[in-house]
Amino acid sequence: MKENNWRRGIYCNNLYKLFLLFSNMKIYVSHSKKLDFRKELYQPLRQSCLSDEHEITLPHETSDRPYNSKELMKTFNVVLGEVSYSATGLGIELGWADALGIPIIALCRKDKKLKGSVRALTNRIVRYSTSDELIKGIKDELSKL
C-alpha cells in the first residue's frame, strides 16, 4: 500500500509539472506589513517549485518603499492575497484585481479569522498553518485556474 501511495504521489507531481509547463503565470503577492512577510511568505514561495515555474512578484522583497502596483496589476494572471491581517493597501490591491477580473487566491493562517469581505471577493481560499500547507494549497488552487 505504501508503494502505491508513493507511486501515486510521483504521478500526481508529474501531472502538476506537465500542467505548469504549459501555464507559466505572472503572480502578484499582496499582504499586510503586520505579517512577517519575508519569513512567512516570501521565503517559502522563493524556496518552492512555484518560484521556478511562475513569475512571482514580491513587492517588498528588496525594499520597504511603496510599490506602484496599480499600473502593473493589469499585467498579472493571478493575485495571491495574504489576508491573515487587515491592511488598507492590501484591500485596495485586491479591489483593483477584482475590478480587472484577475483571479484572487486568498491565503489565511488557520489561527486567524477570515473576514467576510474576503469571501465577497473570492471563493479560492487557502487555509494554512505551515509553509508546506501554504505551498500545497497554492499549487492546488493554481491548478484549478
Protein backbone atom coordinates (compact mmCIF):
# COMPACT_ATOMS: atom_id res chain seq x y z
CA MET A 1 0.00 0.00 0.00
CA LYS A 2 2.82 2.38 0.86
CA GLU A 3 4.40 1.66 -2.56
CA ASN A 4 1.11 2.58 -4.34
CA ASN A 5 0.82 5.86 -2.40
CA TRP A 6 4.41 6.71 -3.29
CA ARG A 7 3.81 5.98 -6.98
CA ARG A 8 0.54 7.95 -6.92
CA GLY A 9 2.42 10.90 -5.41
CA ILE A 10 5.01 10.82 -8.19
CA TYR A 11 2.27 10.52 -10.82
CA CYS A 12 0.36 13.50 -9.40
CA ASN A 13 3.53 15.54 -9.05
CA ASN A 14 4.47 14.78 -12.67
CA LEU A 15 0.96 15.75 -13.87
CA TYR A 16 1.28 19.02 -11.96
CA LYS A 17 4.68 19.69 -13.56
CA LEU A 18 3.25 18.97 -17.02
CA PHE A 19 0.35 21.34 -16.33
CA LEU A 20 2.74 24.08 -15.23
CA LEU A 21 4.99 23.60 -18.22
CA PHE A 22 2.18 24.97 -20.37
CA SER A 23 0.81 27.51 -17.94
CA ASN A 24 3.55 29.82 -16.68
CA MET A 25 1.73 32.60 -14.84
CA LYS A 26 2.57 36.08 -13.66
CA ILE A 27 1.64 36.14 -9.98
CA TYR A 28 1.43 39.18 -7.72
CA VAL A 29 1.61 38.72 -3.94
CA SER A 30 -0.26 41.22 -1.77
CA HIS A 31 -0.10 41.28 2.03
CA SER A 32 -0.18 43.36 5.19
CA LYS A 33 3.05 44.67 6.65
CA LYS A 34 1.81 43.34 10.03
CA LEU A 35 2.79 39.88 8.79
CA ASP A 36 6.45 38.84 8.97
CA PHE A 37 6.09 38.52 5.20
CA ARG A 38 9.74 37.98 4.32
CA LYS A 39 9.99 34.94 6.59
CA GLU A 40 6.43 33.57 6.49
CA LEU A 41 5.51 34.28 2.86
CA TYR A 42 8.39 35.34 0.62
CA GLN A 43 10.88 32.73 1.81
CA PRO A 44 8.56 29.72 1.39
CA LEU A 45 7.46 30.97 -2.05
CA ARG A 46 11.04 31.51 -3.26
CA GLN A 47 12.18 28.14 -1.91
CA SER A 48 9.32 26.26 -3.59
CA CYS A 49 8.98 24.99 -7.14
CA LEU A 50 6.39 27.74 -7.71
CA SER A 51 9.19 30.27 -7.98
CA ASP A 52 10.82 28.25 -10.77
CA GLU A 53 7.58 27.64 -12.63
CA HIS A 54 5.98 31.08 -12.44
CA GLU A 55 6.99 34.71 -12.45
CA ILE A 56 6.22 35.79 -8.89
CA THR A 57 6.30 39.48 -7.93
CA LEU A 58 7.02 40.07 -4.25
CA PRO A 59 6.59 43.84 -3.91
CA HIS A 60 8.77 44.33 -0.83
CA GLU A 61 11.40 41.71 -1.47
CA THR A 62 14.23 44.21 -1.79
CA SER A 63 12.74 47.46 -0.47
CA ASP A 64 10.19 48.70 2.04
CA ARG A 65 9.33 51.68 -0.18
CA PRO A 66 5.78 51.89 -1.56
CA TYR A 67 5.25 49.74 -4.65
CA ASN A 68 3.26 51.14 -7.57
CA SER A 69 1.03 48.15 -8.18
CA LYS A 70 -1.88 49.98 -9.81
CA GLU A 71 -0.43 50.19 -13.31
CA LEU A 72 1.23 46.79 -13.14
CA MET A 73 -1.84 44.99 -11.77
CA LYS A 74 -3.33 44.52 -15.24
CA THR A 75 -0.25 42.52 -16.32
CA PHE A 76 -0.75 39.75 -13.75
CA ASN A 77 -2.64 36.48 -14.29
CA VAL A 78 -3.43 35.89 -10.62
CA VAL A 79 -3.09 37.67 -7.27
CA LEU A 80 -2.22 35.90 -4.04
CA GLY A 81 -3.63 37.93 -1.15
CA GLU A 82 -2.33 37.01 2.30
CA VAL A 83 -5.34 38.15 4.32
CA SER A 84 -4.47 36.97 7.85
CA TYR A 85 -4.02 40.63 8.84
CA SER A 86 -6.12 43.52 7.57
CA ALA A 87 -4.44 46.40 5.76
CA THR A 88 -5.71 49.28 3.65
CA GLY A 89 -3.16 48.72 0.87
CA LEU A 90 -3.98 45.02 0.72
CA GLY A 91 -7.69 45.80 0.37
CA ILE A 92 -7.02 48.35 -2.37
CA GLU A 93 -4.86 45.91 -4.35
CA LEU A 94 -7.42 43.12 -4.04
CA GLY A 95 -10.10 45.57 -5.17
CA TRP A 96 -8.07 46.50 -8.25
CA ALA A 97 -7.54 42.81 -9.08
CA ASP A 98 -11.26 42.12 -8.69
CA ALA A 99 -12.22 45.11 -10.86
CA LEU A 100 -9.84 43.90 -13.57
CA GLY A 101 -11.22 40.35 -13.42
CA ILE A 102 -7.93 38.89 -12.18
CA PRO A 103 -8.40 35.71 -10.14
CA ILE A 104 -7.62 36.16 -6.45
CA ILE A 105 -6.40 33.36 -4.20
CA ALA A 106 -6.77 34.34 -0.54
CA LEU A 107 -4.21 32.93 1.89
CA CYS A 108 -5.14 32.90 5.57
CA ARG A 109 -3.49 31.33 8.59
CA LYS A 110 -5.73 28.78 10.31
CA ASP A 111 -5.40 30.64 13.62
CA LYS A 112 -6.80 33.87 12.12
CA LYS A 113 -10.42 34.73 11.37
CA LEU A 114 -11.26 35.08 7.69
CA LYS A 115 -13.10 38.35 7.05
CA GLY A 116 -16.44 38.26 5.23
CA SER A 117 -15.19 40.88 2.75
CA VAL A 118 -12.60 38.37 1.52
CA ARG A 119 -15.33 35.82 0.80
CA ALA A 120 -17.11 38.50 -1.23
CA LEU A 121 -14.03 38.78 -3.49
CA THR A 122 -13.10 35.12 -3.93
CA ASN A 123 -14.04 31.57 -3.14
CA ARG A 124 -10.43 30.49 -3.71
CA ILE A 125 -9.16 30.30 -0.14
CA VAL A 126 -6.10 28.54 1.23
CA ARG A 127 -6.09 27.99 4.99
CA TYR A 128 -2.65 27.03 6.31
CA SER A 129 -0.56 26.69 9.45
CA THR A 130 2.74 25.53 7.91
CA SER A 131 4.78 26.55 4.90
CA ASP A 132 4.15 23.14 3.34
CA GLU A 133 0.37 23.60 3.67
CA LEU A 134 0.70 27.09 2.17
CA ILE A 135 2.60 25.92 -0.90
CA LYS A 136 0.41 22.84 -1.43
CA GLY A 137 -2.73 24.96 -1.15
CA ILE A 138 -1.43 27.50 -3.66
CA LYS A 139 -0.50 24.71 -6.10
CA ASP A 140 -3.95 23.18 -5.74
CA GLU A 141 -5.72 26.49 -6.40
CA LEU A 142 -3.46 27.39 -9.34
CA SER A 143 -4.23 24.03 -10.94
CA LYS A 144 -7.95 24.94 -10.90
CA LEU A 145 -7.49 28.18 -12.86
